[in-house]
Amino acid sequence: FAGLRFLIAGVVILAYAWLTTPRWRPR
């Protein structure tokens, strides 16, 4: 239950980071 919750939230926040920040993934 907890894992599914944060899978959904993580995908949405990652899309938001991709649209609004210059760095959407760690390096």
mmCIF file of all heavy atoms, coordinates in Angstrom:
data_MODEL
# 
_entry.id   MODEL 
# 
loop_
_atom_site.group_PDB 
_atom_site.id 
_atom_site.type_symbol 
_atom_site.label_atom_id 
_atom_site.label_alt_id 
_atom_site.label_comp_id 
_atom_site.label_asym_id 
_atom_site.label_entity_id 
_atom_site.label_seq_id 
_atom_site.pdbx_PDB_ins_code 
_atom_site.Cartn_x 
_atom_site.Cartn_y 
_atom_site.Cartn_z 
_atom_site.occupancy 
_atom_site.B_iso_or_equiv 
_atom_site.pdbx_formal_charge 
_atom_site.auth_seq_id 
_atom_site.auth_comp_id 
_atom_site.auth_asym_id 
_atom_site.auth_atom_id 
_atom_site.pdbx_PDB_model_num 
ATOM 1   N N   . PHE A 1 1  ? 0.835  -1.200 0.000   1.00 0.00 ? 1  PHE A N   1 
ATOM 2   C CA  . PHE A 1 1  ? 0.000  0.000  0.000   1.00 0.00 ? 1  PHE A CA  1 
ATOM 3   C C   . PHE A 1 1  ? 0.874  1.257  0.000   1.00 0.00 ? 1  PHE A C   1 
ATOM 4   O O   . PHE A 1 1  ? 0.706  2.159  -0.831  1.00 0.00 ? 1  PHE A O   1 
ATOM 5   C CB  . PHE A 1 1  ? -0.893 -0.043 1.247   1.00 0.00 ? 1  PHE A CB  1 
ATOM 6   C CG  . PHE A 1 1  ? -1.934 1.040  1.338   1.00 0.00 ? 1  PHE A CG  1 
ATOM 7   C CD1 . PHE A 1 1  ? -2.344 1.760  0.235   1.00 0.00 ? 1  PHE A CD1 1 
ATOM 8   C CD2 . PHE A 1 1  ? -2.535 1.312  2.566   1.00 0.00 ? 1  PHE A CD2 1 
ATOM 9   C CE1 . PHE A 1 1  ? -3.328 2.741  0.337   1.00 0.00 ? 1  PHE A CE1 1 
ATOM 10  C CE2 . PHE A 1 1  ? -3.510 2.289  2.680   1.00 0.00 ? 1  PHE A CE2 1 
ATOM 11  C CZ  . PHE A 1 1  ? -3.902 3.000  1.566   1.00 0.00 ? 1  PHE A CZ  1 
ATOM 12  N N   . ALA A 1 2  ? 1.837  1.299  0.931   1.00 0.00 ? 2  ALA A N   1 
ATOM 13  C CA  . ALA A 1 2  ? 2.737  2.444  1.007   1.00 0.00 ? 2  ALA A CA  1 
ATOM 14  C C   . ALA A 1 2  ? 3.574  2.567  -0.267  1.00 0.00 ? 2  ALA A C   1 
ATOM 15  O O   . ALA A 1 2  ? 3.790  3.677  -0.781  1.00 0.00 ? 2  ALA A O   1 
ATOM 16  C CB  . ALA A 1 2  ? 3.646  2.316  2.230   1.00 0.00 ? 2  ALA A CB  1 
ATOM 17  N N   . GLY A 1 3  ? 4.046  1.438  -0.787  1.00 0.00 ? 3  GLY A N   1 
ATOM 18  C CA  . GLY A 1 3  ? 4.861  1.469  -1.988  1.00 0.00 ? 3  GLY A CA  1 
ATOM 19  C C   . GLY A 1 3  ? 4.103  2.005  -3.187  1.00 0.00 ? 3  GLY A C   1 
ATOM 20  O O   . GLY A 1 3  ? 4.625  2.827  -3.962  1.00 0.00 ? 3  GLY A O   1 
ATOM 21  N N   . LEU A 1 4  ? 2.875  1.577  -3.369  1.00 0.00 ? 4  LEU A N   1 
ATOM 22  C CA  . LEU A 1 4  ? 2.062  2.068  -4.487  1.00 0.00 ? 4  LEU A CA  1 
ATOM 23  C C   . LEU A 1 4  ? 1.799  3.560  -4.354  1.00 0.00 ? 4  LEU A C   1 
ATOM 24  O O   . LEU A 1 4  ? 1.808  4.306  -5.343  1.00 0.00 ? 4  LEU A O   1 
ATOM 25  C CB  . LEU A 1 4  ? 0.738  1.301  -4.547  1.00 0.00 ? 4  LEU A CB  1 
ATOM 26  C CG  . LEU A 1 4  ? 0.820  -0.144 -5.042  1.00 0.00 ? 4  LEU A CG  1 
ATOM 27  C CD1 . LEU A 1 4  ? -0.535 -0.835 -4.865  1.00 0.00 ? 4  LEU A CD1 1 
ATOM 28  C CD2 . LEU A 1 4  ? 1.253  -0.195 -6.509  1.00 0.00 ? 4  LEU A CD2 1 
ATOM 29  N N   . ARG A 1 5  ? 1.561  4.001  -3.118  1.00 0.00 ? 5  ARG A N   1 
ATOM 30  C CA  . ARG A 1 5  ? 1.319  5.426  -2.892  1.00 0.00 ? 5  ARG A CA  1 
ATOM 31  C C   . ARG A 1 5  ? 2.495  6.261  -3.396  1.00 0.00 ? 5  ARG A C   1 
ATOM 32  O O   . ARG A 1 5  ? 2.302  7.235  -4.124  1.00 0.00 ? 5  ARG A O   1 
ATOM 33  C CB  . ARG A 1 5  ? 1.100  5.685  -1.396  1.00 0.00 ? 5  ARG A CB  1 
ATOM 34  C CG  . ARG A 1 5  ? 1.061  7.159  -1.052  1.00 0.00 ? 5  ARG A CG  1 
ATOM 35  C CD  . ARG A 1 5  ? 1.171  7.406  0.447   1.00 0.00 ? 5  ARG A CD  1 
ATOM 36  N NE  . ARG A 1 5  ? 1.122  8.834  0.737   1.00 0.00 ? 5  ARG A NE  1 
ATOM 37  C CZ  . ARG A 1 5  ? 1.182  9.349  1.960   1.00 0.00 ? 5  ARG A CZ  1 
ATOM 38  N NH1 . ARG A 1 5  ? 1.303  8.538  3.015   1.00 0.00 ? 5  ARG A NH1 1 
ATOM 39  N NH2 . ARG A 1 5  ? 1.134  10.652 2.150   1.00 0.00 ? 5  ARG A NH2 1 
ATOM 40  N N   . PHE A 1 6  ? 3.706  5.873  -3.012  1.00 0.00 ? 6  PHE A N   1 
ATOM 41  C CA  . PHE A 1 6  ? 4.859  6.694  -3.366  1.00 0.00 ? 6  PHE A CA  1 
ATOM 42  C C   . PHE A 1 6  ? 5.343  6.449  -4.792  1.00 0.00 ? 6  PHE A C   1 
ATOM 43  O O   . PHE A 1 6  ? 6.045  7.292  -5.351  1.00 0.00 ? 6  PHE A O   1 
ATOM 44  C CB  . PHE A 1 6  ? 5.971  6.511  -2.333  1.00 0.00 ? 6  PHE A CB  1 
ATOM 45  C CG  . PHE A 1 6  ? 5.658  7.249  -1.064  1.00 0.00 ? 6  PHE A CG  1 
ATOM 46  C CD1 . PHE A 1 6  ? 5.166  6.574  0.040   1.00 0.00 ? 6  PHE A CD1 1 
ATOM 47  C CD2 . PHE A 1 6  ? 5.794  8.619  -1.001  1.00 0.00 ? 6  PHE A CD2 1 
ATOM 48  C CE1 . PHE A 1 6  ? 4.834  7.257  1.197   1.00 0.00 ? 6  PHE A CE1 1 
ATOM 49  C CE2 . PHE A 1 6  ? 5.466  9.319  0.141   1.00 0.00 ? 6  PHE A CE2 1 
ATOM 50  C CZ  . PHE A 1 6  ? 4.977  8.642  1.250   1.00 0.00 ? 6  PHE A CZ  1 
ATOM 51  N N   . LEU A 1 7  ? 4.952  5.338  -5.381  1.00 0.00 ? 7  LEU A N   1 
ATOM 52  C CA  . LEU A 1 7  ? 5.202  5.160  -6.803  1.00 0.00 ? 7  LEU A CA  1 
ATOM 53  C C   . LEU A 1 7  ? 4.395  6.181  -7.599  1.00 0.00 ? 7  LEU A C   1 
ATOM 54  O O   . LEU A 1 7  ? 4.922  6.840  -8.514  1.00 0.00 ? 7  LEU A O   1 
ATOM 55  C CB  . LEU A 1 7  ? 4.831  3.732  -7.223  1.00 0.00 ? 7  LEU A CB  1 
ATOM 56  C CG  . LEU A 1 7  ? 4.996  3.410  -8.707  1.00 0.00 ? 7  LEU A CG  1 
ATOM 57  C CD1 . LEU A 1 7  ? 6.448  3.572  -9.136  1.00 0.00 ? 7  LEU A CD1 1 
ATOM 58  C CD2 . LEU A 1 7  ? 4.494  1.994  -8.996  1.00 0.00 ? 7  LEU A CD2 1 
ATOM 59  N N   . ILE A 1 8  ? 3.119  6.332  -7.239  1.00 0.00 ? 8  ILE A N   1 
ATOM 60  C CA  . ILE A 1 8  ? 2.262  7.320  -7.913  1.00 0.00 ? 8  ILE A CA  1 
ATOM 61  C C   . ILE A 1 8  ? 2.792  8.729  -7.681  1.00 0.00 ? 8  ILE A C   1 
ATOM 62  O O   . ILE A 1 8  ? 2.983  9.515  -8.622  1.00 0.00 ? 8  ILE A O   1 
ATOM 63  C CB  . ILE A 1 8  ? 0.810  7.192  -7.401  1.00 0.00 ? 8  ILE A CB  1 
ATOM 64  C CG1 . ILE A 1 8  ? 0.208  5.848  -7.819  1.00 0.00 ? 8  ILE A CG1 1 
ATOM 65  C CG2 . ILE A 1 8  ? -0.048 8.349  -7.924  1.00 0.00 ? 8  ILE A CG2 1 
ATOM 66  C CD1 . ILE A 1 8  ? -1.132 5.547  -7.165  1.00 0.00 ? 8  ILE A CD1 1 
ATOM 67  N N   . ALA A 1 9  ? 3.042  9.066  -6.410  1.00 0.00 ? 9  ALA A N   1 
ATOM 68  C CA  . ALA A 1 9  ? 3.503  10.418 -6.077  1.00 0.00 ? 9  ALA A CA  1 
ATOM 69  C C   . ALA A 1 9  ? 4.861  10.701 -6.720  1.00 0.00 ? 9  ALA A C   1 
ATOM 70  O O   . ALA A 1 9  ? 5.103  11.804 -7.224  1.00 0.00 ? 9  ALA A O   1 
ATOM 71  C CB  . ALA A 1 9  ? 3.578  10.585 -4.563  1.00 0.00 ? 9  ALA A CB  1 
ATOM 72  N N   . GLY A 1 10 ? 5.760  9.710  -6.703  1.00 0.00 ? 10 GLY A N   1 
ATOM 73  C CA  . GLY A 1 10 ? 7.096  9.908  -7.251  1.00 0.00 ? 10 GLY A CA  1 
ATOM 74  C C   . GLY A 1 10 ? 7.084  10.182 -8.744  1.00 0.00 ? 10 GLY A C   1 
ATOM 75  O O   . GLY A 1 10 ? 7.836  11.033 -9.235  1.00 0.00 ? 10 GLY A O   1 
ATOM 76  N N   . VAL A 1 11 ? 6.237  9.480  -9.479  1.00 0.00 ? 11 VAL A N   1 
ATOM 77  C CA  . VAL A 1 11 ? 6.142  9.698  -10.920 1.00 0.00 ? 11 VAL A CA  1 
ATOM 78  C C   . VAL A 1 11 ? 5.649  11.115 -11.205 1.00 0.00 ? 11 VAL A C   1 
ATOM 79  O O   . VAL A 1 11 ? 6.178  11.815 -12.091 1.00 0.00 ? 11 VAL A O   1 
ATOM 80  C CB  . VAL A 1 11 ? 5.211  8.649  -11.564 1.00 0.00 ? 11 VAL A CB  1 
ATOM 81  C CG1 . VAL A 1 11 ? 4.877  9.042  -12.997 1.00 0.00 ? 11 VAL A CG1 1 
ATOM 82  C CG2 . VAL A 1 11 ? 5.861  7.273  -11.523 1.00 0.00 ? 11 VAL A CG2 1 
ATOM 83  N N   . VAL A 1 12 ? 4.648  11.573 -10.449 1.00 0.00 ? 12 VAL A N   1 
ATOM 84  C CA  . VAL A 1 12 ? 4.107  12.919 -10.655 1.00 0.00 ? 12 VAL A CA  1 
ATOM 85  C C   . VAL A 1 12 ? 5.156  13.979 -10.316 1.00 0.00 ? 12 VAL A C   1 
ATOM 86  O O   . VAL A 1 12 ? 5.363  14.942 -11.081 1.00 0.00 ? 12 VAL A O   1 
ATOM 87  C CB  . VAL A 1 12 ? 2.836  13.127 -9.810  1.00 0.00 ? 12 VAL A CB  1 
ATOM 88  C CG1 . VAL A 1 12 ? 2.361  14.582 -9.909  1.00 0.00 ? 12 VAL A CG1 1 
ATOM 89  C CG2 . VAL A 1 12 ? 1.730  12.191 -10.275 1.00 0.00 ? 12 VAL A CG2 1 
ATOM 90  N N   . ILE A 1 13 ? 5.837  13.838 -9.179  1.00 0.00 ? 13 ILE A N   1 
ATOM 91  C CA  . ILE A 1 13 ? 6.838  14.830 -8.781  1.00 0.00 ? 13 ILE A CA  1 
ATOM 92  C C   . ILE A 1 13 ? 8.030  14.808 -9.736  1.00 0.00 ? 13 ILE A C   1 
ATOM 93  O O   . ILE A 1 13 ? 8.620  15.854 -10.045 1.00 0.00 ? 13 ILE A O   1 
ATOM 94  C CB  . ILE A 1 13 ? 7.297  14.585 -7.332  1.00 0.00 ? 13 ILE A CB  1 
ATOM 95  C CG1 . ILE A 1 13 ? 6.127  14.770 -6.358  1.00 0.00 ? 13 ILE A CG1 1 
ATOM 96  C CG2 . ILE A 1 13 ? 8.435  15.524 -6.953  1.00 0.00 ? 13 ILE A CG2 1 
ATOM 97  C CD1 . ILE A 1 13 ? 5.541  16.157 -6.343  1.00 0.00 ? 13 ILE A CD1 1 
ATOM 98  N N   . LEU A 1 14 ? 8.403  13.629 -10.251 1.00 0.00 ? 14 LEU A N   1 
ATOM 99  C CA  . LEU A 1 14 ? 9.501  13.555 -11.213 1.00 0.00 ? 14 LEU A CA  1 
ATOM 100 C C   . LEU A 1 14 ? 9.139  14.302 -12.497 1.00 0.00 ? 14 LEU A C   1 
ATOM 101 O O   . LEU A 1 14 ? 9.976  15.021 -13.074 1.00 0.00 ? 14 LEU A O   1 
ATOM 102 C CB  . LEU A 1 14 ? 9.841  12.102 -11.519 1.00 0.00 ? 14 LEU A CB  1 
ATOM 103 C CG  . LEU A 1 14 ? 11.033 11.886 -12.460 1.00 0.00 ? 14 LEU A CG  1 
ATOM 104 C CD1 . LEU A 1 14 ? 12.314 12.464 -11.857 1.00 0.00 ? 14 LEU A CD1 1 
ATOM 105 C CD2 . LEU A 1 14 ? 11.205 10.405 -12.776 1.00 0.00 ? 14 LEU A CD2 1 
ATOM 106 N N   . ALA A 1 15 ? 7.900  14.142 -12.945 1.00 0.00 ? 15 ALA A N   1 
ATOM 107 C CA  . ALA A 1 15 ? 7.453  14.877 -14.131 1.00 0.00 ? 15 ALA A CA  1 
ATOM 108 C C   . ALA A 1 15 ? 7.494  16.383 -13.873 1.00 0.00 ? 15 ALA A C   1 
ATOM 109 O O   . ALA A 1 15 ? 7.903  17.168 -14.739 1.00 0.00 ? 15 ALA A O   1 
ATOM 110 C CB  . ALA A 1 15 ? 6.038  14.437 -14.514 1.00 0.00 ? 15 ALA A CB  1 
ATOM 111 N N   . TYR A 1 16 ? 7.100  16.774 -12.671 1.00 0.00 ? 16 TYR A N   1 
ATOM 112 C CA  . TYR A 1 16 ? 7.130  18.191 -12.305 1.00 0.00 ? 16 TYR A CA  1 
ATOM 113 C C   . TYR A 1 16 ? 8.564  18.710 -12.275 1.00 0.00 ? 16 TYR A C   1 
ATOM 114 O O   . TYR A 1 16 ? 8.847  19.822 -12.761 1.00 0.00 ? 16 TYR A O   1 
ATOM 115 C CB  . TYR A 1 16 ? 6.466  18.366 -10.946 1.00 0.00 ? 16 TYR A CB  1 
ATOM 116 C CG  . TYR A 1 16 ? 6.410  19.790 -10.450 1.00 0.00 ? 16 TYR A CG  1 
ATOM 117 C CD1 . TYR A 1 16 ? 5.648  20.758 -11.103 1.00 0.00 ? 16 TYR A CD1 1 
ATOM 118 C CD2 . TYR A 1 16 ? 7.111  20.172 -9.312  1.00 0.00 ? 16 TYR A CD2 1 
ATOM 119 C CE1 . TYR A 1 16 ? 5.587  22.070 -10.644 1.00 0.00 ? 16 TYR A CE1 1 
ATOM 120 C CE2 . TYR A 1 16 ? 7.062  21.471 -8.844  1.00 0.00 ? 16 TYR A CE2 1 
ATOM 121 C CZ  . TYR A 1 16 ? 6.299  22.411 -9.510  1.00 0.00 ? 16 TYR A CZ  1 
ATOM 122 O OH  . TYR A 1 16 ? 6.248  23.706 -9.054  1.00 0.00 ? 16 TYR A OH  1 
ATOM 123 N N   . ALA A 1 17 ? 9.480  17.912 -11.715 1.00 0.00 ? 17 ALA A N   1 
ATOM 124 C CA  . ALA A 1 17 ? 10.893 18.309 -11.680 1.00 0.00 ? 17 ALA A CA  1 
ATOM 125 C C   . ALA A 1 17 ? 11.457 18.428 -13.101 1.00 0.00 ? 17 ALA A C   1 
ATOM 126 O O   . ALA A 1 17 ? 12.236 19.337 -13.405 1.00 0.00 ? 17 ALA A O   1 
ATOM 127 C CB  . ALA A 1 17 ? 11.698 17.298 -10.865 1.00 0.00 ? 17 ALA A CB  1 
ATOM 128 N N   . TRP A 1 18 ? 11.065 17.516 -13.971 1.00 0.00 ? 18 TRP A N   1 
ATOM 129 C CA  . TRP A 1 18 ? 11.534 17.536 -15.363 1.00 0.00 ? 18 TRP A CA  1 
ATOM 130 C C   . TRP A 1 18 ? 11.076 18.805 -16.086 1.00 0.00 ? 18 TRP A C   1 
ATOM 131 O O   . TRP A 1 18 ? 11.813 19.383 -16.877 1.00 0.00 ? 18 TRP A O   1 
ATOM 132 C CB  . TRP A 1 18 ? 11.012 16.297 -16.084 1.00 0.00 ? 18 TRP A CB  1 
ATOM 133 C CG  . TRP A 1 18 ? 11.432 16.214 -17.523 1.00 0.00 ? 18 TRP A CG  1 
ATOM 134 C CD1 . TRP A 1 18 ? 12.686 15.978 -18.019 1.00 0.00 ? 18 TRP A CD1 1 
ATOM 135 C CD2 . TRP A 1 18 ? 10.575 16.381 -18.661 1.00 0.00 ? 18 TRP A CD2 1 
ATOM 136 N NE1 . TRP A 1 18 ? 12.673 15.983 -19.401 1.00 0.00 ? 18 TRP A NE1 1 
ATOM 137 C CE2 . TRP A 1 18 ? 11.394 16.228 -19.820 1.00 0.00 ? 18 TRP A CE2 1 
ATOM 138 C CE3 . TRP A 1 18 ? 9.220  16.633 -18.822 1.00 0.00 ? 18 TRP A CE3 1 
ATOM 139 C CZ2 . TRP A 1 18 ? 10.872 16.324 -21.108 1.00 0.00 ? 18 TRP A CZ2 1 
ATOM 140 C CZ3 . TRP A 1 18 ? 8.694  16.736 -20.105 1.00 0.00 ? 18 TRP A CZ3 1 
ATOM 141 C CH2 . TRP A 1 18 ? 9.525  16.574 -21.231 1.00 0.00 ? 18 TRP A CH2 1 
ATOM 142 N N   . LEU A 1 19 ? 9.871  19.266 -15.751 1.00 0.00 ? 19 LEU A N   1 
ATOM 143 C CA  . LEU A 1 19 ? 9.319  20.453 -16.405 1.00 0.00 ? 19 LEU A CA  1 
ATOM 144 C C   . LEU A 1 19 ? 9.835  21.758 -15.813 1.00 0.00 ? 19 LEU A C   1 
ATOM 145 O O   . LEU A 1 19 ? 9.896  22.777 -16.515 1.00 0.00 ? 19 LEU A O   1 
ATOM 146 C CB  . LEU A 1 19 ? 7.783  20.432 -16.308 1.00 0.00 ? 19 LEU A CB  1 
ATOM 147 C CG  . LEU A 1 19 ? 7.050  19.376 -17.138 1.00 0.00 ? 19 LEU A CG  1 
ATOM 148 C CD1 . LEU A 1 19 ? 5.579  19.348 -16.763 1.00 0.00 ? 19 LEU A CD1 1 
ATOM 149 C CD2 . LEU A 1 19 ? 7.209  19.670 -18.637 1.00 0.00 ? 19 LEU A CD2 1 
ATOM 150 N N   . THR A 1 20 ? 10.190 21.758 -14.531 1.00 0.00 ? 20 THR A N   1 
ATOM 151 C CA  . THR A 1 20 ? 10.438 23.028 -13.840 1.00 0.00 ? 20 THR A CA  1 
ATOM 152 C C   . THR A 1 20 ? 11.859 23.224 -13.341 1.00 0.00 ? 20 THR A C   1 
ATOM 153 O O   . THR A 1 20 ? 12.170 24.297 -12.826 1.00 0.00 ? 20 THR A O   1 
ATOM 154 C CB  . THR A 1 20 ? 9.481  23.171 -12.636 1.00 0.00 ? 20 THR A CB  1 
ATOM 155 O OG1 . THR A 1 20 ? 9.725  22.093 -11.703 1.00 0.00 ? 20 THR A OG1 1 
ATOM 156 C CG2 . THR A 1 20 ? 8.025  23.139 -13.080 1.00 0.00 ? 20 THR A CG2 1 
ATOM 157 N N   . THR A 1 21 ? 12.737 22.219 -13.458 1.00 0.00 ? 21 THR A N   1 
ATOM 158 C CA  . THR A 1 21 ? 14.102 22.378 -12.968 1.00 0.00 ? 21 THR A CA  1 
ATOM 159 C C   . THR A 1 21 ? 15.095 22.016 -14.074 1.00 0.00 ? 21 THR A C   1 
ATOM 160 O O   . THR A 1 21 ? 14.765 21.255 -14.987 1.00 0.00 ? 21 THR A O   1 
ATOM 161 C CB  . THR A 1 21 ? 14.388 21.476 -11.747 1.00 0.00 ? 21 THR A CB  1 
ATOM 162 O OG1 . THR A 1 21 ? 14.432 20.105 -12.179 1.00 0.00 ? 21 THR A OG1 1 
ATOM 163 C CG2 . THR A 1 21 ? 13.317 21.627 -10.681 1.00 0.00 ? 21 THR A CG2 1 
ATOM 164 N N   . PRO A 1 22 ? 16.311 22.539 -13.978 1.00 0.00 ? 22 PRO A N   1 
ATOM 165 C CA  . PRO A 1 22 ? 17.321 22.190 -14.980 1.00 0.00 ? 22 PRO A CA  1 
ATOM 166 C C   . PRO A 1 22 ? 17.946 20.817 -14.747 1.00 0.00 ? 22 PRO A C   1 
ATOM 167 O O   . PRO A 1 22 ? 18.670 20.314 -15.603 1.00 0.00 ? 22 PRO A O   1 
ATOM 168 C CB  . PRO A 1 22 ? 18.377 23.298 -14.796 1.00 0.00 ? 22 PRO A CB  1 
ATOM 169 C CG  . PRO A 1 22 ? 18.232 23.718 -13.373 1.00 0.00 ? 22 PRO A CG  1 
ATOM 170 C CD  . PRO A 1 22 ? 16.783 23.584 -13.055 1.00 0.00 ? 22 PRO A CD  1 
ATOM 171 N N   . ARG A 1 23 ? 17.662 20.215 -13.584 1.00 0.00 ? 23 ARG A N   1 
ATOM 172 C CA  . ARG A 1 23 ? 18.257 18.925 -13.227 1.00 0.00 ? 23 ARG A CA  1 
ATOM 173 C C   . ARG A 1 23 ? 17.157 17.982 -12.768 1.00 0.00 ? 23 ARG A C   1 
ATOM 174 O O   . ARG A 1 23 ? 16.686 18.087 -11.638 1.00 0.00 ? 23 ARG A O   1 
ATOM 175 C CB  . ARG A 1 23 ? 19.279 19.118 -12.093 1.00 0.00 ? 23 ARG A CB  1 
ATOM 176 C CG  . ARG A 1 23 ? 20.406 20.106 -12.393 1.00 0.00 ? 23 ARG A CG  1 
ATOM 177 C CD  . ARG A 1 23 ? 21.580 19.421 -13.040 1.00 0.00 ? 23 ARG A CD  1 
ATOM 178 N NE  . ARG A 1 23 ? 21.984 18.229 -12.318 1.00 0.00 ? 23 ARG A NE  1 
ATOM 179 C CZ  . ARG A 1 23 ? 22.722 18.263 -11.205 1.00 0.00 ? 23 ARG A CZ  1 
ATOM 180 N NH1 . ARG A 1 23 ? 23.120 19.411 -10.694 1.00 0.00 ? 23 ARG A NH1 1 
ATOM 181 N NH2 . ARG A 1 23 ? 23.071 17.132 -10.615 1.00 0.00 ? 23 ARG A NH2 1 
ATOM 182 N N   . TRP A 1 24 ? 16.724 17.079 -13.619 1.00 0.00 ? 24 TRP A N   1 
ATOM 183 C CA  . TRP A 1 24 ? 15.614 16.203 -13.242 1.00 0.00 ? 24 TRP A CA  1 
ATOM 184 C C   . TRP A 1 24 ? 16.079 14.835 -12.730 1.00 0.00 ? 24 TRP A C   1 
ATOM 185 O O   . TRP A 1 24 ? 15.270 14.034 -12.285 1.00 0.00 ? 24 TRP A O   1 
ATOM 186 C CB  . TRP A 1 24 ? 14.659 16.001 -14.419 1.00 0.00 ? 24 TRP A CB  1 
ATOM 187 C CG  . TRP A 1 24 ? 15.259 15.260 -15.578 1.00 0.00 ? 24 TRP A CG  1 
ATOM 188 C CD1 . TRP A 1 24 ? 15.949 15.801 -16.611 1.00 0.00 ? 24 TRP A CD1 1 
ATOM 189 C CD2 . TRP A 1 24 ? 15.237 13.844 -15.809 1.00 0.00 ? 24 TRP A CD2 1 
ATOM 190 N NE1 . TRP A 1 24 ? 16.355 14.822 -17.491 1.00 0.00 ? 24 TRP A NE1 1 
ATOM 191 C CE2 . TRP A 1 24 ? 15.937 13.607 -17.020 1.00 0.00 ? 24 TRP A CE2 1 
ATOM 192 C CE3 . TRP A 1 24 ? 14.703 12.754 -15.118 1.00 0.00 ? 24 TRP A CE3 1 
ATOM 193 C CZ2 . TRP A 1 24 ? 16.105 12.327 -17.537 1.00 0.00 ? 24 TRP A CZ2 1 
ATOM 194 C CZ3 . TRP A 1 24 ? 14.870 11.480 -15.631 1.00 0.00 ? 24 TRP A CZ3 1 
ATOM 195 C CH2 . TRP A 1 24 ? 15.564 11.272 -16.831 1.00 0.00 ? 24 TRP A CH2 1 
ATOM 196 N N   . ARG A 1 25 ? 17.406 14.574 -12.776 1.00 0.00 ? 25 ARG A N   1 
ATOM 197 C CA  . ARG A 1 25 ? 17.906 13.324 -12.214 1.00 0.00 ? 25 ARG A CA  1 
ATOM 198 C C   . ARG A 1 25 ? 19.278 13.553 -11.585 1.00 0.00 ? 25 ARG A C   1 
ATOM 199 O O   . ARG A 1 25 ? 20.015 14.456 -11.983 1.00 0.00 ? 25 ARG A O   1 
ATOM 200 C CB  . ARG A 1 25 ? 17.993 12.231 -13.275 1.00 0.00 ? 25 ARG A CB  1 
ATOM 201 C CG  . ARG A 1 25 ? 19.016 12.471 -14.369 1.00 0.00 ? 25 ARG A CG  1 
ATOM 202 C CD  . ARG A 1 25 ? 19.008 11.326 -15.370 1.00 0.00 ? 25 ARG A CD  1 
ATOM 203 N NE  . ARG A 1 25 ? 19.951 11.550 -16.462 1.00 0.00 ? 25 ARG A NE  1 
ATOM 204 C CZ  . ARG A 1 25 ? 21.247 11.236 -16.405 1.00 0.00 ? 25 ARG A CZ  1 
ATOM 205 N NH1 . ARG A 1 25 ? 21.739 10.683 -15.302 1.00 0.00 ? 25 ARG A NH1 1 
ATOM 206 N NH2 . ARG A 1 25 ? 22.035 11.460 -17.434 1.00 0.00 ? 25 ARG A NH2 1 
ATOM 207 N N   . PRO A 1 26 ? 19.595 12.740 -10.565 1.00 0.00 ? 26 PRO A N   1 
ATOM 208 C CA  . PRO A 1 26 ? 20.902 12.886 -9.907  1.00 0.00 ? 26 PRO A CA  1 
ATOM 209 C C   . PRO A 1 26 ? 22.044 12.493 -10.842 1.00 0.00 ? 26 PRO A C   1 
ATOM 210 O O   . PRO A 1 26 ? 21.878 11.690 -11.764 1.00 0.00 ? 26 PRO A O   1 
ATOM 211 C CB  . PRO A 1 26 ? 20.807 11.909 -8.725  1.00 0.00 ? 26 PRO A CB  1 
ATOM 212 C CG  . PRO A 1 26 ? 19.354 11.637 -8.546  1.00 0.00 ? 26 PRO A CG  1 
ATOM 213 C CD  . PRO A 1 26 ? 18.751 11.734 -9.906  1.00 0.00 ? 26 PRO A CD  1 
ATOM 214 N N   . ARG A 1 27 ? 23.221 13.054 -10.560 1.00 0.00 ? 27 ARG A N   1 
ATOM 215 C CA  . ARG A 1 27 ? 24.431 12.699 -11.286 1.00 0.00 ? 27 ARG A CA  1 
ATOM 216 C C   . ARG A 1 27 ? 25.545 12.493 -10.276 1.00 0.00 ? 27 ARG A C   1 
ATOM 217 O O   . ARG A 1 27 ? 25.723 13.281 -9.370  1.00 0.00 ? 27 ARG A O   1 
ATOM 218 C CB  . ARG A 1 27 ? 24.836 13.817 -12.247 1.00 0.00 ? 27 ARG A CB  1 
ATOM 219 C CG  . ARG A 1 27 ? 23.819 14.133 -13.323 1.00 0.00 ? 27 ARG A CG  1 
ATOM 220 C CD  . ARG A 1 27 ? 24.242 15.369 -14.089 1.00 0.00 ? 27 ARG A CD  1 
ATOM 221 N NE  . ARG A 1 27 ? 23.216 15.810 -15.030 1.00 0.00 ? 27 ARG A NE  1 
ATOM 222 C CZ  . ARG A 1 27 ? 23.207 17.007 -15.604 1.00 0.00 ? 27 ARG A CZ  1 
ATOM 223 N NH1 . ARG A 1 27 ? 24.168 17.881 -15.319 1.00 0.00 ? 27 ARG A NH1 1 
ATOM 224 N NH2 . ARG A 1 27 ? 22.243 17.332 -16.439 1.00 0.00 ? 27 ARG A NH2 1 
# 
